[in-house]
Amino acid sequence: MDPRIIAAAAGLAALTVLWGAWWLWWRLPKRQVDRLRLTIRDPKARVDVEDNYRKNIGQILVGVAAALIASMFTYLQFEQRDRELAQQAQESHATRSAS
């Protein structure tokens, strides 16, 4: 596959993830608090509720990002180990053939 297509797809995926994170962190709390407009009449209380929503969503986003990064490193370690085992098997086979 063409590396430019892969880079474009990765860039589009990154932008989509960033937009989704922004929407979850900034827009969703505003929408949720707007629904509570009739229940919570004090503007300061609404701002506090919106802030609490943002804190919770921020913690969730950081947790998901940490899990994805840890998964990526684990995958890279498995790939590295797989390459090493394949190389050892190849060297072992070459040594047996030479004998």
N, C-alpha and C. Protein backbone atom coordinates (compact mmCIF):
# COMPACT_ATOMS: atom_id res chain seq x y z
N MET A 1 0.85 -1.18 0.00
CA MET A 1 0.00 0.00 0.00
C MET A 1 0.90 1.24 0.00
N ASP A 2 0.42 2.25 -0.66
CA ASP A 2 1.18 3.49 -0.80
C ASP A 2 1.33 4.19 0.56
N PRO A 3 2.56 4.55 0.94
CA PRO A 3 2.76 5.22 2.24
C PRO A 3 2.01 6.54 2.37
N ARG A 4 1.78 7.23 1.25
CA ARG A 4 1.03 8.49 1.32
C ARG A 4 -0.41 8.26 1.71
N ILE A 5 -0.99 7.15 1.23
CA ILE A 5 -2.37 6.83 1.60
C ILE A 5 -2.45 6.48 3.08
N ILE A 6 -1.45 5.72 3.55
CA ILE A 6 -1.43 5.36 4.97
C ILE A 6 -1.27 6.60 5.83
N ALA A 7 -0.37 7.51 5.42
CA ALA A 7 -0.16 8.74 6.18
C ALA A 7 -1.43 9.60 6.18
N ALA A 8 -2.11 9.68 5.03
CA ALA A 8 -3.35 10.46 4.95
C ALA A 8 -4.43 9.85 5.84
N ALA A 9 -4.53 8.52 5.83
CA ALA A 9 -5.54 7.85 6.66
C ALA A 9 -5.21 8.05 8.14
N ALA A 10 -3.93 7.96 8.49
CA ALA A 10 -3.54 8.17 9.89
C ALA A 10 -3.81 9.61 10.32
N GLY A 11 -3.54 10.56 9.43
CA GLY A 11 -3.82 11.96 9.74
C GLY A 11 -5.31 12.21 9.93
N LEU A 12 -6.12 11.62 9.05
CA LEU A 12 -7.57 11.77 9.17
C LEU A 12 -8.08 11.12 10.46
N ALA A 13 -7.53 9.96 10.79
CA ALA A 13 -7.94 9.29 12.03
C ALA A 13 -7.54 10.14 13.24
N ALA A 14 -6.34 10.72 13.21
CA ALA A 14 -5.90 11.56 14.33
C ALA A 14 -6.79 12.79 14.48
N LEU A 15 -7.13 13.42 13.36
CA LEU A 15 -8.02 14.59 13.43
C LEU A 15 -9.40 14.21 13.95
N THR A 16 -9.89 13.06 13.53
CA THR A 16 -11.20 12.60 14.00
C THR A 16 -11.17 12.34 15.51
N VAL A 17 -10.10 11.71 15.98
CA VAL A 17 -9.97 11.44 17.42
C VAL A 17 -9.87 12.75 18.19
N LEU A 18 -9.08 13.70 17.70
CA LEU A 18 -8.95 14.99 18.38
C LEU A 18 -10.27 15.74 18.40
N TRP A 19 -10.98 15.73 17.29
CA TRP A 19 -12.28 16.40 17.25
C TRP A 19 -13.24 15.74 18.23
N GLY A 20 -13.26 14.40 18.27
CA GLY A 20 -14.13 13.69 19.19
C GLY A 20 -13.79 13.99 20.64
N ALA A 21 -12.50 14.04 20.95
CA ALA A 21 -12.09 14.36 22.32
C ALA A 21 -12.50 15.78 22.69
N TRP A 22 -12.30 16.71 21.75
CA TRP A 22 -12.72 18.09 22.01
C TRP A 22 -14.22 18.15 22.26
N TRP A 23 -15.00 17.47 21.42
CA TRP A 23 -16.46 17.51 21.56
C TRP A 23 -16.87 16.92 22.90
N LEU A 24 -16.27 15.78 23.25
CA LEU A 24 -16.61 15.16 24.53
C LEU A 24 -16.24 16.04 25.71
N TRP A 25 -15.08 16.70 25.62
CA TRP A 25 -14.59 17.46 26.76
C TRP A 25 -15.21 18.86 26.85
N TRP A 26 -15.52 19.48 25.72
CA TRP A 26 -15.99 20.86 25.75
C TRP A 26 -17.49 20.98 25.50
N ARG A 27 -17.99 20.36 24.44
CA ARG A 27 -19.38 20.55 24.05
C ARG A 27 -20.37 19.72 24.87
N LEU A 28 -20.02 18.46 25.14
CA LEU A 28 -20.96 17.59 25.86
C LEU A 28 -21.34 18.14 27.23
N PRO A 29 -20.38 18.59 28.06
CA PRO A 29 -20.79 19.16 29.36
C PRO A 29 -21.73 20.35 29.22
N LYS A 30 -21.50 21.20 28.21
CA LYS A 30 -22.39 22.34 28.01
C LYS A 30 -23.81 21.87 27.69
N ARG A 31 -23.91 20.86 26.84
CA ARG A 31 -25.23 20.33 26.48
C ARG A 31 -25.92 19.70 27.69
N GLN A 32 -25.15 18.96 28.49
CA GLN A 32 -25.73 18.32 29.66
C GLN A 32 -26.23 19.36 30.67
N VAL A 33 -25.46 20.39 30.88
CA VAL A 33 -25.85 21.43 31.85
C VAL A 33 -27.03 22.24 31.31
N ASP A 34 -27.08 22.46 30.00
CA ASP A 34 -28.23 23.17 29.44
C ASP A 34 -29.54 22.43 29.71
N ARG A 35 -29.47 21.10 29.73
CA ARG A 35 -30.67 20.31 30.05
C ARG A 35 -31.11 20.51 31.50
N LEU A 36 -30.15 20.86 32.36
CA LEU A 36 -30.45 21.05 33.78
C LEU A 36 -30.82 22.49 34.11
N ARG A 37 -30.99 23.31 33.10
CA ARG A 37 -31.25 24.74 33.28
C ARG A 37 -32.48 24.99 34.16
N LEU A 38 -33.52 24.18 33.99
CA LEU A 38 -34.72 24.39 34.80
C LEU A 38 -34.59 23.77 36.19
N THR A 39 -33.74 22.77 36.32
CA THR A 39 -33.56 22.11 37.61
C THR A 39 -32.61 22.89 38.50
N ILE A 40 -31.49 23.33 37.91
CA ILE A 40 -30.48 24.09 38.67
C ILE A 40 -30.55 25.54 38.20
N ARG A 41 -31.11 26.39 39.00
CA ARG A 41 -31.33 27.78 38.58
C ARG A 41 -30.13 28.69 38.86
N ASP A 42 -29.30 28.32 39.80
CA ASP A 42 -28.14 29.14 40.17
C ASP A 42 -27.04 28.98 39.11
N PRO A 43 -26.62 30.07 38.46
CA PRO A 43 -25.58 29.97 37.42
C PRO A 43 -24.26 29.41 37.94
N LYS A 44 -23.89 29.77 39.18
CA LYS A 44 -22.64 29.24 39.76
C LYS A 44 -22.73 27.73 39.92
N ALA A 45 -23.86 27.24 40.35
CA ALA A 45 -24.04 25.80 40.53
C ALA A 45 -23.96 25.08 39.17
N ARG A 46 -24.54 25.69 38.13
CA ARG A 46 -24.47 25.09 36.79
C ARG A 46 -23.02 25.03 36.30
N VAL A 47 -22.26 26.10 36.55
CA VAL A 47 -20.85 26.12 36.16
C VAL A 47 -20.08 25.03 36.91
N ASP A 48 -20.39 24.85 38.19
CA ASP A 48 -19.73 23.80 38.98
C ASP A 48 -20.05 22.42 38.42
N VAL A 49 -21.31 22.20 38.05
CA VAL A 49 -21.70 20.91 37.48
C VAL A 49 -20.98 20.69 36.15
N GLU A 50 -20.91 21.73 35.32
CA GLU A 50 -20.21 21.63 34.03
C GLU A 50 -18.73 21.31 34.26
N ASP A 51 -18.13 21.95 35.25
CA ASP A 51 -16.73 21.70 35.57
C ASP A 51 -16.53 20.25 36.01
N ASN A 52 -17.45 19.74 36.82
CA ASN A 52 -17.35 18.35 37.27
C ASN A 52 -17.47 17.38 36.09
N TYR A 53 -18.37 17.68 35.16
CA TYR A 53 -18.47 16.86 33.95
C TYR A 53 -17.13 16.84 33.21
N ARG A 54 -16.54 18.01 33.06
CA ARG A 54 -15.26 18.11 32.35
C ARG A 54 -14.15 17.33 33.05
N LYS A 55 -14.13 17.41 34.37
CA LYS A 55 -13.11 16.66 35.11
C LYS A 55 -13.26 15.16 34.88
N ASN A 56 -14.50 14.68 34.96
CA ASN A 56 -14.74 13.24 34.75
C ASN A 56 -14.38 12.81 33.33
N ILE A 57 -14.80 13.59 32.36
CA ILE A 57 -14.51 13.25 30.97
C ILE A 57 -13.01 13.32 30.71
N GLY A 58 -12.34 14.31 31.28
CA GLY A 58 -10.89 14.41 31.14
C GLY A 58 -10.18 13.18 31.70
N GLN A 59 -10.63 12.72 32.86
CA GLN A 59 -10.02 11.53 33.45
C GLN A 59 -10.25 10.30 32.57
N ILE A 60 -11.43 10.19 32.01
CA ILE A 60 -11.72 9.07 31.12
C ILE A 60 -10.84 9.13 29.88
N LEU A 61 -10.71 10.32 29.27
CA LEU A 61 -9.88 10.46 28.07
C LEU A 61 -8.42 10.14 28.36
N VAL A 62 -7.91 10.60 29.50
CA VAL A 62 -6.52 10.30 29.85
C VAL A 62 -6.35 8.80 30.08
N GLY A 63 -7.30 8.17 30.72
CA GLY A 63 -7.23 6.73 30.95
C GLY A 63 -7.24 5.94 29.65
N VAL A 64 -8.10 6.33 28.73
CA VAL A 64 -8.15 5.65 27.42
C VAL A 64 -6.85 5.86 26.67
N ALA A 65 -6.33 7.08 26.69
CA ALA A 65 -5.06 7.35 26.00
C ALA A 65 -3.92 6.53 26.61
N ALA A 66 -3.88 6.43 27.93
CA ALA A 66 -2.84 5.63 28.58
C ALA A 66 -2.96 4.16 28.21
N ALA A 67 -4.19 3.66 28.17
CA ALA A 67 -4.39 2.26 27.79
C ALA A 67 -3.96 2.01 26.34
N LEU A 68 -4.27 2.95 25.45
CA LEU A 68 -3.86 2.80 24.05
C LEU A 68 -2.35 2.84 23.90
N ILE A 69 -1.70 3.73 24.62
CA ILE A 69 -0.23 3.82 24.54
C ILE A 69 0.39 2.55 25.10
N ALA A 70 -0.12 2.06 26.22
CA ALA A 70 0.41 0.81 26.79
C ALA A 70 0.20 -0.35 25.83
N SER A 71 -0.96 -0.40 25.18
CA SER A 71 -1.22 -1.46 24.21
C SER A 71 -0.27 -1.38 23.03
N MET A 72 0.03 -0.16 22.59
CA MET A 72 0.95 0.01 21.47
C MET A 72 2.34 -0.50 21.84
N PHE A 73 2.83 -0.14 23.02
CA PHE A 73 4.15 -0.60 23.44
C PHE A 73 4.18 -2.12 23.60
N THR A 74 3.12 -2.70 24.12
CA THR A 74 3.05 -4.16 24.26
C THR A 74 3.10 -4.82 22.89
N TYR A 75 2.34 -4.29 21.94
CA TYR A 75 2.35 -4.83 20.58
C TYR A 75 3.75 -4.74 19.97
N LEU A 76 4.41 -3.59 20.15
CA LEU A 76 5.76 -3.43 19.60
C LEU A 76 6.74 -4.41 20.24
N GLN A 77 6.59 -4.67 21.53
CA GLN A 77 7.46 -5.65 22.19
C GLN A 77 7.23 -7.05 21.64
N PHE A 78 5.97 -7.42 21.42
CA PHE A 78 5.67 -8.73 20.85
C PHE A 78 6.24 -8.85 19.43
N GLU A 79 6.10 -7.80 18.65
CA GLU A 79 6.65 -7.81 17.29
C GLU A 79 8.17 -7.95 17.33
N GLN A 80 8.83 -7.23 18.22
CA GLN A 80 10.29 -7.31 18.36
C GLN A 80 10.69 -8.74 18.73
N ARG A 81 10.01 -9.31 19.69
CA ARG A 81 10.31 -10.68 20.14
C ARG A 81 10.07 -11.68 19.01
N ASP A 82 9.01 -11.48 18.24
CA ASP A 82 8.72 -12.37 17.12
C ASP A 82 9.82 -12.30 16.06
N ARG A 83 10.30 -11.10 15.76
CA ARG A 83 11.40 -10.96 14.80
C ARG A 83 12.67 -11.65 15.32
N GLU A 84 12.96 -11.48 16.62
CA GLU A 84 14.14 -12.12 17.20
C GLU A 84 14.04 -13.64 17.12
N LEU A 85 12.88 -14.19 17.43
CA LEU A 85 12.70 -15.64 17.36
C LEU A 85 12.83 -16.15 15.93
N ALA A 86 12.28 -15.41 14.98
CA ALA A 86 12.40 -15.81 13.58
C ALA A 86 13.86 -15.77 13.14
N GLN A 87 14.60 -14.77 13.56
CA GLN A 87 16.01 -14.66 13.21
C GLN A 87 16.81 -15.80 13.85
N GLN A 88 16.51 -16.13 15.10
CA GLN A 88 17.20 -17.24 15.76
C GLN A 88 16.91 -18.56 15.06
N ALA A 89 15.67 -18.76 14.67
CA ALA A 89 15.31 -20.00 13.96
C ALA A 89 16.03 -20.08 12.62
N GLN A 90 16.13 -18.96 11.93
CA GLN A 90 16.83 -18.92 10.65
C GLN A 90 18.31 -19.22 10.83
N GLU A 91 18.93 -18.63 11.85
CA GLU A 91 20.35 -18.88 12.12
C GLU A 91 20.57 -20.34 12.53
N SER A 92 19.65 -20.88 13.31
CA SER A 92 19.77 -22.29 13.73
C SER A 92 19.66 -23.21 12.52
N HIS A 93 18.73 -22.91 11.62
CA HIS A 93 18.56 -23.71 10.42
C HIS A 93 19.79 -23.61 9.52
N ALA A 94 20.35 -22.41 9.41
CA ALA A 94 21.57 -22.23 8.58
C ALA A 94 22.74 -22.98 9.19
N THR A 95 22.85 -23.00 10.53
CA THR A 95 23.95 -23.71 11.19
C THR A 95 23.82 -25.22 10.98
N ARG A 96 22.61 -25.76 11.05
CA ARG A 96 22.37 -27.19 10.83
C ARG A 96 22.67 -27.58 9.39
N SER A 97 22.28 -26.69 8.47
CA SER A 97 22.51 -26.99 7.04
C SER A 97 23.99 -26.96 6.71
N ALA A 98 24.76 -26.11 7.36
CA ALA A 98 26.19 -25.99 7.09
C ALA A 98 26.96 -27.18 7.64
N SER A 99 26.43 -27.86 8.68
CA SER A 99 27.15 -28.96 9.31
C SER A 99 27.12 -30.22 8.51
